[in-house]
């Protein structure tokens, strides 16, 4: 029996989202909550409605380049 992830309760999907994101944002990490909002309208609604996913904001100076240090 196949089950779509979208048939799971919102709380379960949100737990999966949290587990998929890095615990600490770093310049080497490209996985962000914003990426989750581009999958489908359900994921967008869940991600945007979960403040815990947005507790860290990573900014980079304009014109700065990613460095491997």
N, C-alpha and C. Protein backbone atom coordinates (compact mmCIF):
# COMPACT_ATOMS: atom_id res chain seq x y z
N UNK A 1 0.84 -1.18 0.00
CA UNK A 1 0.00 0.00 0.00
C UNK A 1 0.88 1.24 0.00
N UNK A 2 0.68 2.10 -0.96
CA UNK A 2 1.44 3.34 -1.03
C UNK A 2 0.64 4.47 -0.39
N UNK A 3 1.36 5.32 0.34
CA UNK A 3 0.72 6.46 0.99
C UNK A 3 1.50 7.71 0.61
N UNK A 4 0.79 8.74 0.20
CA UNK A 4 1.43 10.01 -0.15
C UNK A 4 1.82 10.75 1.13
N UNK A 5 2.94 11.43 1.10
CA UNK A 5 3.35 12.23 2.25
C UNK A 5 2.29 13.28 2.58
N UNK A 6 1.58 13.75 1.57
CA UNK A 6 0.57 14.78 1.79
C UNK A 6 -0.66 14.25 2.53
N UNK A 7 -0.78 12.92 2.66
CA UNK A 7 -1.90 12.37 3.40
C UNK A 7 -1.59 12.26 4.90
N UNK A 8 -0.35 12.53 5.27
CA UNK A 8 0.04 12.52 6.69
C UNK A 8 -0.55 13.73 7.40
N UNK A 9 -0.71 13.64 8.72
CA UNK A 9 -1.16 14.82 9.47
C UNK A 9 -0.13 15.95 9.34
N UNK A 10 -0.61 17.18 9.40
CA UNK A 10 0.25 18.35 9.26
C UNK A 10 1.40 18.29 10.28
N UNK A 11 1.12 17.85 11.49
CA UNK A 11 2.16 17.77 12.53
C UNK A 11 3.29 16.83 12.11
N UNK A 12 2.94 15.73 11.44
CA UNK A 12 3.96 14.78 10.98
C UNK A 12 4.80 15.39 9.85
N UNK A 13 4.14 16.06 8.93
CA UNK A 13 4.85 16.71 7.82
C UNK A 13 5.80 17.77 8.38
N UNK A 14 5.33 18.54 9.35
CA UNK A 14 6.17 19.57 9.96
C UNK A 14 7.37 18.96 10.66
N UNK A 15 7.19 17.83 11.30
CA UNK A 15 8.32 17.14 11.95
C UNK A 15 9.35 16.71 10.91
N UNK A 16 8.88 16.23 9.77
CA UNK A 16 9.79 15.84 8.68
C UNK A 16 10.53 17.06 8.18
N UNK A 17 9.83 18.18 8.03
CA UNK A 17 10.48 19.42 7.60
C UNK A 17 11.60 19.78 8.57
N UNK A 18 11.30 19.76 9.86
CA UNK A 18 12.31 20.15 10.88
C UNK A 18 13.53 19.23 10.81
N UNK A 19 13.29 17.94 10.62
CA UNK A 19 14.40 16.98 10.56
C UNK A 19 15.24 17.16 9.29
N UNK A 20 14.63 17.69 8.24
CA UNK A 20 15.35 17.84 6.97
C UNK A 20 16.22 19.10 6.94
N UNK A 21 15.97 20.03 7.85
CA UNK A 21 16.73 21.28 7.87
C UNK A 21 17.91 21.16 8.84
N UNK A 22 19.01 21.83 8.54
CA UNK A 22 20.16 21.77 9.44
C UNK A 22 19.82 22.43 10.78
N UNK A 23 20.41 21.92 11.85
CA UNK A 23 20.16 22.47 13.19
C UNK A 23 20.70 23.89 13.30
N UNK A 24 21.82 24.14 12.64
CA UNK A 24 22.44 25.47 12.66
C UNK A 24 22.71 25.89 11.23
N UNK A 25 22.22 27.06 10.87
CA UNK A 25 22.44 27.56 9.51
C UNK A 25 23.91 27.90 9.33
N UNK A 26 24.44 27.59 8.17
CA UNK A 26 25.82 27.93 7.86
C UNK A 26 25.90 28.33 6.39
N UNK A 27 26.96 29.03 6.02
CA UNK A 27 27.11 29.44 4.62
C UNK A 27 27.18 28.26 3.66
N UNK A 28 27.57 27.09 4.15
CA UNK A 28 27.69 25.92 3.29
C UNK A 28 26.37 25.18 3.11
N UNK A 29 25.36 25.57 3.84
CA UNK A 29 24.07 24.91 3.79
C UNK A 29 23.15 25.65 2.85
N UNK A 30 22.62 24.92 1.89
CA UNK A 30 21.72 25.54 0.92
C UNK A 30 20.28 25.09 1.13
N UNK A 31 20.06 24.24 2.13
CA UNK A 31 18.71 23.78 2.42
C UNK A 31 18.07 24.78 3.37
N UNK A 32 17.00 25.40 2.94
CA UNK A 32 16.33 26.40 3.76
C UNK A 32 14.83 26.14 3.76
N UNK A 33 14.13 26.72 4.73
CA UNK A 33 12.67 26.57 4.73
C UNK A 33 12.04 27.11 3.44
N UNK A 34 12.68 28.09 2.84
CA UNK A 34 12.15 28.65 1.60
C UNK A 34 12.04 27.59 0.51
N UNK A 35 12.98 26.67 0.46
CA UNK A 35 12.93 25.60 -0.55
C UNK A 35 11.68 24.75 -0.38
N UNK A 36 11.25 24.55 0.87
CA UNK A 36 10.05 23.75 1.12
C UNK A 36 8.80 24.41 0.55
N UNK A 37 8.80 25.73 0.47
CA UNK A 37 7.61 26.44 0.00
C UNK A 37 7.44 26.34 -1.52
N UNK A 38 8.43 25.81 -2.21
CA UNK A 38 8.37 25.72 -3.67
C UNK A 38 7.93 24.35 -4.17
N UNK A 39 7.60 23.43 -3.26
CA UNK A 39 7.23 22.07 -3.68
C UNK A 39 5.78 22.00 -4.13
N UNK A 40 4.88 22.42 -3.28
CA UNK A 40 3.45 22.41 -3.62
C UNK A 40 2.71 23.36 -2.68
N UNK A 41 1.46 23.62 -2.97
CA UNK A 41 0.71 24.60 -2.17
C UNK A 41 0.52 24.13 -0.73
N UNK A 42 0.36 22.83 -0.51
CA UNK A 42 0.22 22.32 0.86
C UNK A 42 1.50 22.56 1.65
N UNK A 43 2.64 22.20 1.07
CA UNK A 43 3.92 22.40 1.76
C UNK A 43 4.16 23.88 2.01
N UNK A 44 3.77 24.72 1.06
CA UNK A 44 3.94 26.17 1.23
C UNK A 44 3.13 26.66 2.43
N UNK A 45 1.88 26.24 2.50
CA UNK A 45 1.01 26.65 3.60
C UNK A 45 1.56 26.17 4.95
N UNK A 46 2.02 24.92 4.99
CA UNK A 46 2.56 24.37 6.24
C UNK A 46 3.84 25.11 6.65
N UNK A 47 4.77 25.28 5.71
CA UNK A 47 6.05 25.93 6.02
C UNK A 47 5.86 27.38 6.44
N UNK A 48 5.02 28.10 5.73
CA UNK A 48 4.82 29.51 6.07
C UNK A 48 4.05 29.69 7.37
N UNK A 49 3.30 28.67 7.76
CA UNK A 49 2.54 28.74 9.00
C UNK A 49 3.29 28.21 10.21
N UNK A 50 4.56 27.89 10.05
CA UNK A 50 5.35 27.31 11.14
C UNK A 50 6.49 28.24 11.54
N UNK A 51 6.28 29.10 12.52
CA UNK A 51 7.33 30.04 12.94
C UNK A 51 8.64 29.35 13.33
N UNK A 52 8.57 28.14 13.82
CA UNK A 52 9.79 27.44 14.25
C UNK A 52 10.75 27.18 13.09
N UNK A 53 10.23 27.11 11.88
CA UNK A 53 11.10 26.90 10.71
C UNK A 53 11.86 28.17 10.34
N UNK A 54 11.38 29.31 10.81
CA UNK A 54 11.92 30.60 10.40
C UNK A 54 12.66 31.28 11.55
N UNK A 55 13.10 30.53 12.56
CA UNK A 55 13.73 31.13 13.73
C UNK A 55 15.16 31.60 13.46
N UNK A 56 15.76 31.13 12.37
CA UNK A 56 17.11 31.58 12.00
C UNK A 56 17.05 32.18 10.61
N UNK A 57 17.69 33.31 10.46
CA UNK A 57 17.77 33.96 9.16
C UNK A 57 19.24 34.14 8.82
N UNK A 58 19.64 33.64 7.66
CA UNK A 58 21.03 33.77 7.22
C UNK A 58 21.10 34.82 6.14
N UNK A 59 21.93 35.81 6.35
CA UNK A 59 22.10 36.88 5.37
C UNK A 59 23.53 36.86 4.83
N UNK A 60 23.67 37.30 3.61
CA UNK A 60 24.99 37.40 3.01
C UNK A 60 25.07 38.78 2.39
N UNK A 61 26.22 39.42 2.56
CA UNK A 61 26.40 40.76 1.99
C UNK A 61 26.22 40.73 0.48
N UNK A 62 25.64 41.79 -0.03
CA UNK A 62 25.48 41.90 -1.46
C UNK A 62 26.85 41.89 -2.13
N UNK A 63 27.00 41.08 -3.13
CA UNK A 63 28.27 41.00 -3.84
C UNK A 63 29.28 40.05 -3.22
N UNK A 64 28.99 39.54 -2.03
CA UNK A 64 29.93 38.61 -1.41
C UNK A 64 29.79 37.25 -2.08
N UNK A 65 30.85 36.49 -2.08
CA UNK A 65 30.83 35.18 -2.70
C UNK A 65 30.96 34.12 -1.64
N UNK A 66 30.39 32.96 -1.92
CA UNK A 66 30.50 31.83 -1.02
C UNK A 66 31.96 31.39 -0.98
N UNK A 67 32.49 31.29 0.23
CA UNK A 67 33.88 30.86 0.39
C UNK A 67 33.94 29.55 1.14
N UNK A 68 34.81 28.68 0.76
CA UNK A 68 35.04 27.42 1.48
C UNK A 68 36.15 27.64 2.48
N UNK A 69 35.79 28.05 3.67
CA UNK A 69 36.81 28.26 4.69
C UNK A 69 36.57 27.41 5.90
